[in-house]
Amino acid sequence: MFLSGKRALVTGSTSGIGLAIARAIRAEGADVVLSGFGEAGAIAALCEELGATHVSADLTLTEGVERMMAESGRVDVLVNNAGMQHVAPVEDFPVPKWDAIIALNLSSAFHTARLAVPQMKSAGWGRIINIASAHSLTASPFKAAYVAAKHGIAGLTKVLALELAEHNITANCISPGYVWTPLVENQIPDTMAARGLTREQVMRDVFLAKQPTKKFVAVEEVAAMAVFLCGDAAQNINGANMSIDGGWTAE
């Protein structure tokens, strides 16, 4: 268990990709801090399962991120995974939705990193993993805020990698294609409305149409990549954008 003695914070880790990453990192011996929303009993069960602690915070607010980081304590492995989505034509895109998506999907990763880096430098070791998206490399209609935020995450990751390279700290992002998670499932009604399609058409002609494998990415695949990036074999992978998208962005 090569992460024994390390402490990992995974945002958005009470379900979906974040939970899979938390489980995989815990399996390698790290102490885990969960952050995310959900029913209290379910979160308590996850904490018991993983021997983890949970910090509840509104990561769309700077003060929420700061409180989460203060309550989390030392962070050796930082995984910025929390995210949200809204689908609408740009002229109809609600301004509050834009602000919230940029705050959660992009700004929160900046704030967690700026607060985690000093301790990582002192320790002489750290791993920052940002969960981006195929939309960090390409665009889709009706997703102005999400695409802008994910392109921003890719750029932020590169900056962090360059600044921290001589401190034995790496920063990378993982860009999955469509992963079957609550976030993706919750996009279906909005996409149906925006495009005038049925649920089946959205699944076939919008989501999987872009993935040559015609398969959703499994959360465990993303988690395995995150664990690999924490290991010594990945110590010279820095500033990379690791695609797990079934070939979507190969076009």
Protein backbone atom coordinates (compact mmCIF):
# COMPACT_ATOMS: atom_id res chain seq x y z
CA MET A 1 0.00 0.00 0.00
CA PHE A 2 2.23 2.74 -1.34
CA LEU A 3 0.14 5.64 -0.02
CA SER A 4 0.35 4.61 3.64
CA GLY A 5 1.04 7.65 5.75
CA LYS A 6 -0.39 10.02 3.14
CA ARG A 7 -3.60 12.01 3.51
CA ALA A 8 -5.90 12.55 0.54
CA LEU A 9 -8.72 15.04 0.06
CA VAL A 10 -11.18 14.19 -2.71
CA THR A 11 -13.87 16.75 -3.46
CA GLY A 12 -17.24 15.62 -4.73
CA SER A 13 -16.50 12.22 -3.25
CA THR A 14 -19.85 11.09 -1.86
CA SER A 15 -20.87 9.58 -5.20
CA GLY A 16 -19.73 8.89 -8.75
CA ILE A 17 -16.16 9.40 -9.89
CA GLY A 18 -15.05 11.03 -6.64
CA LEU A 19 -16.24 8.14 -4.51
CA ALA A 20 -14.52 5.61 -6.78
CA ILE A 21 -11.27 7.60 -6.49
CA ALA A 22 -11.60 7.83 -2.71
CA ARG A 23 -12.08 4.07 -2.47
CA ALA A 24 -9.11 3.35 -4.74
CA ILE A 25 -6.80 5.72 -2.88
CA ARG A 26 -7.91 4.31 0.46
CA ALA A 27 -7.14 0.80 -0.83
CA GLU A 28 -3.53 1.96 -1.25
CA GLY A 29 -3.33 2.98 2.39
CA ALA A 30 -4.02 6.72 2.39
CA ASP A 31 -6.19 8.38 4.98
CA VAL A 32 -9.13 9.93 3.12
CA VAL A 33 -11.15 13.09 3.63
CA LEU A 34 -14.47 13.07 1.81
CA SER A 35 -16.26 16.21 0.72
CA GLY A 36 -19.67 16.30 -0.91
CA PHE A 37 -23.37 16.43 -0.40
CA GLY A 38 -25.79 13.63 0.35
CA GLU A 39 -28.04 12.05 2.92
CA ALA A 40 -26.44 12.07 6.36
CA GLY A 41 -26.86 8.36 6.98
CA ALA A 42 -25.33 7.45 3.62
CA ILE A 43 -22.35 9.72 4.24
CA ALA A 44 -21.85 8.24 7.70
CA ALA A 45 -21.84 4.77 6.15
CA LEU A 46 -19.19 5.82 3.64
CA CYS A 47 -17.05 7.27 6.41
CA GLU A 48 -17.31 4.00 8.32
CA GLU A 49 -16.52 1.97 5.21
CA LEU A 50 -13.41 3.99 4.39
CA GLY A 51 -12.33 5.00 7.87
CA ALA A 52 -12.68 8.50 6.47
CA THR A 53 -13.72 11.89 7.71
CA HIS A 54 -16.23 14.09 5.91
CA VAL A 55 -16.21 17.86 5.53
CA SER A 56 -19.36 19.53 4.26
CA ALA A 57 -18.79 22.85 2.53
CA ASP A 58 -20.21 24.98 -0.26
CA LEU A 59 -17.33 25.00 -2.72
CA THR A 60 -18.93 27.67 -4.88
CA LEU A 61 -17.88 30.10 -2.14
CA THR A 62 -14.25 31.01 -1.41
CA GLU A 63 -14.93 30.89 2.30
CA GLY A 64 -16.45 27.43 1.90
CA VAL A 65 -13.29 26.13 0.27
CA GLU A 66 -11.14 27.77 2.92
CA ARG A 67 -13.16 26.17 5.69
CA MET A 68 -12.95 22.75 4.04
CA MET A 69 -9.19 23.03 3.71
CA ALA A 70 -8.79 24.16 7.32
CA GLU A 71 -10.91 21.27 8.60
CA SER A 72 -9.18 18.72 6.36
CA GLY A 73 -5.75 19.26 7.87
CA ARG A 74 -2.64 18.14 6.00
CA VAL A 75 -3.29 17.25 2.36
CA ASP A 76 -0.70 15.20 0.48
CA VAL A 77 -2.96 14.14 -2.38
CA LEU A 78 -5.48 16.68 -3.63
CA VAL A 79 -8.15 15.50 -6.04
CA ASN A 80 -10.38 18.25 -7.38
CA ASN A 81 -13.42 16.40 -8.65
CA ALA A 82 -16.48 18.38 -7.53
CA GLY A 83 -18.52 19.65 -10.43
CA MET A 84 -21.91 20.56 -11.79
CA GLN A 85 -23.49 21.03 -15.19
CA HIS A 86 -26.22 22.99 -16.90
CA VAL A 87 -27.26 22.71 -20.53
CA ALA A 88 -28.81 25.66 -22.39
CA PRO A 89 -28.24 27.82 -25.48
CA VAL A 90 -25.84 30.66 -24.74
CA GLU A 91 -28.49 33.36 -25.15
CA ASP A 92 -30.69 31.60 -22.60
CA PHE A 93 -27.93 30.46 -20.24
CA PRO A 94 -28.86 31.66 -16.74
CA VAL A 95 -26.19 33.97 -15.37
CA PRO A 96 -26.41 32.46 -11.86
CA LYS A 97 -25.77 29.02 -13.39
CA TRP A 98 -22.71 30.35 -15.23
CA ASP A 99 -21.36 31.86 -12.03
CA ALA A 100 -21.97 28.70 -10.01
CA ILE A 101 -20.39 26.37 -12.57
CA ILE A 102 -17.27 28.51 -12.97
CA ALA A 103 -16.98 28.81 -9.18
CA LEU A 104 -17.34 25.08 -8.48
CA ASN A 105 -15.70 23.52 -11.53
CA LEU A 106 -12.77 25.93 -11.84
CA SER A 107 -12.29 28.47 -9.05
CA SER A 108 -12.58 25.90 -6.25
CA ALA A 109 -9.63 23.98 -7.74
CA PHE A 110 -7.52 27.14 -7.67
CA HIS A 111 -8.43 27.77 -4.04
CA THR A 112 -7.75 24.21 -2.88
CA ALA A 113 -4.41 24.20 -4.67
CA ARG A 114 -3.24 27.53 -3.31
CA LEU A 115 -4.02 26.35 0.21
CA ALA A 116 -2.54 22.85 -0.15
CA VAL A 117 0.70 23.79 -1.90
CA PRO A 118 2.59 25.35 1.05
CA GLN A 119 2.35 22.16 3.10
CA MET A 120 3.22 20.01 0.07
CA LYS A 121 6.34 22.13 -0.48
CA SER A 122 7.32 21.73 3.16
CA ALA A 123 6.89 17.97 2.93
CA GLY A 124 8.77 17.74 -0.35
CA TRP A 125 6.02 15.66 -1.93
CA GLY A 126 2.54 16.14 -3.30
CA ARG A 127 0.08 15.08 -5.95
CA ILE A 128 -2.59 17.32 -7.44
CA ILE A 129 -5.09 15.61 -9.69
CA ASN A 130 -7.80 17.64 -11.37
CA ILE A 131 -10.73 15.82 -12.89
CA ALA A 132 -11.36 17.63 -16.13
CA SER A 133 -13.34 16.19 -19.05
CA ALA A 134 -13.10 15.54 -22.76
CA HIS A 135 -14.60 19.03 -22.78
CA SER A 136 -11.21 20.34 -21.64
CA LEU A 137 -10.03 19.48 -25.16
CA THR A 138 -13.09 19.96 -27.31
CA ALA A 139 -16.51 21.58 -27.13
CA SER A 140 -20.18 20.66 -27.39
CA PRO A 141 -23.12 22.98 -27.98
CA PHE A 142 -25.19 24.28 -25.06
CA LYS A 143 -22.44 23.79 -22.46
CA ALA A 144 -20.79 27.20 -22.40
CA ALA A 145 -19.94 27.31 -18.71
CA TYR A 146 -18.86 23.68 -18.39
CA VAL A 147 -16.60 23.78 -21.45
CA ALA A 148 -15.07 27.10 -20.37
CA ALA A 149 -14.41 25.75 -16.86
CA LYS A 150 -12.86 22.50 -18.07
CA HIS A 151 -10.60 24.29 -20.55
CA GLY A 152 -9.59 26.46 -17.60
CA ILE A 153 -8.82 23.43 -15.43
CA ALA A 154 -6.47 22.11 -18.11
CA GLY A 155 -4.63 25.43 -18.17
CA LEU A 156 -4.50 25.72 -14.40
CA THR A 157 -3.03 22.22 -14.21
CA LYS A 158 -0.20 23.17 -16.57
CA VAL A 159 0.63 26.26 -14.53
CA LEU A 160 0.71 24.27 -11.30
CA ALA A 161 2.93 21.64 -12.91
CA LEU A 162 5.47 24.24 -14.03
CA GLU A 163 5.53 26.10 -10.72
CA LEU A 164 5.84 22.98 -8.56
CA ALA A 165 8.05 20.71 -10.67
CA GLU A 166 11.20 21.23 -8.60
CA HIS A 167 9.38 20.51 -5.34
CA ASN A 168 8.56 16.85 -6.11
CA ILE A 169 4.93 17.84 -6.59
CA THR A 170 3.09 16.86 -9.75
CA ALA A 171 -0.12 18.28 -11.15
CA ASN A 172 -2.09 16.45 -13.81
CA CYS A 173 -5.64 16.28 -15.02
CA ILE A 174 -7.75 13.36 -16.12
CA SER A 175 -10.25 13.97 -18.90
CA PRO A 176 -12.93 11.31 -19.09
CA GLY A 177 -15.51 11.10 -21.80
CA TYR A 178 -19.03 10.26 -20.77
CA VAL A 179 -18.95 8.38 -17.47
CA TRP A 180 -22.19 6.94 -16.15
CA THR A 181 -22.61 9.04 -13.01
CA PRO A 182 -25.42 11.09 -11.45
CA LEU A 183 -23.96 14.20 -13.14
CA VAL A 184 -24.36 12.64 -16.58
CA GLU A 185 -27.77 11.17 -15.80
CA ASN A 186 -28.98 14.57 -14.60
CA GLN A 187 -28.00 16.13 -17.92
CA ILE A 188 -30.50 14.01 -19.82
CA PRO A 189 -33.68 16.05 -19.17
CA ASP A 190 -32.01 19.38 -20.02
CA THR A 191 -30.46 17.91 -23.15
CA MET A 192 -33.81 16.44 -24.17
CA ALA A 193 -35.37 19.89 -23.82
CA ALA A 194 -32.53 21.79 -25.50
CA ARG A 195 -32.35 19.46 -28.51
CA GLY A 196 -35.92 18.19 -28.73
CA LEU A 197 -34.85 14.56 -28.35
CA THR A 198 -36.09 11.52 -26.46
CA ARG A 199 -34.11 10.00 -23.60
CA GLU A 200 -32.98 7.14 -25.86
CA GLN A 201 -31.88 9.56 -28.58
CA VAL A 202 -29.85 11.59 -26.08
CA MET A 203 -28.08 8.45 -24.87
CA ARG A 204 -27.36 7.16 -28.38
CA ASP A 205 -27.05 10.26 -30.54
CA VAL A 206 -25.57 12.81 -28.11
CA PHE A 207 -23.56 11.00 -25.45
CA LEU A 208 -22.24 7.81 -27.00
CA ALA A 209 -22.18 9.20 -30.53
CA LYS A 210 -18.91 10.92 -29.62
CA GLN A 211 -17.22 7.87 -28.11
CA PRO A 212 -16.02 5.48 -30.82
CA THR A 213 -16.14 2.56 -28.40
CA LYS A 214 -19.87 3.22 -27.84
CA LYS A 215 -19.32 2.51 -24.15
CA PHE A 216 -19.61 4.71 -21.11
CA VAL A 217 -16.36 5.06 -19.16
CA ALA A 218 -16.47 3.26 -15.82
CA VAL A 219 -15.72 5.21 -12.66
CA GLU A 220 -13.21 2.53 -11.72
CA GLU A 221 -11.16 3.33 -14.83
CA VAL A 222 -10.84 6.96 -13.80
CA ALA A 223 -9.96 5.91 -10.24
CA ALA A 224 -7.23 3.58 -11.48
CA MET A 225 -5.64 6.42 -13.44
CA ALA A 226 -5.76 8.68 -10.37
CA VAL A 227 -4.01 6.04 -8.27
CA PHE A 228 -1.36 5.54 -10.95
CA LEU A 229 -0.64 9.28 -11.02
CA CYS A 230 0.07 9.14 -7.27
CA GLY A 231 2.78 6.52 -7.66
CA ASP A 232 6.51 6.69 -8.28
CA ALA A 233 6.06 5.37 -11.81
CA ALA A 234 4.26 8.62 -12.62
CA GLN A 235 6.75 11.01 -11.01
CA ASN A 236 7.73 12.42 -14.40
CA ILE A 237 4.17 12.73 -15.64
CA ASN A 238 3.52 16.38 -14.94
CA GLY A 239 1.18 18.87 -16.53
CA ALA A 240 -0.44 16.10 -18.55
CA ASN A 241 -4.04 15.80 -19.65
CA MET A 242 -4.88 12.11 -19.54
CA SER A 243 -7.79 11.26 -21.82
CA ILE A 244 -10.08 8.36 -20.96
CA ASP A 245 -12.75 8.90 -23.58
CA GLY A 246 -12.98 5.85 -25.82
CA GLY A 247 -11.23 7.74 -28.61
CA TRP A 248 -13.57 10.78 -28.62
CA THR A 249 -10.81 13.40 -28.80
CA ALA A 250 -8.70 11.36 -31.24
CA GLU A 251 -10.83 12.68 -34.09
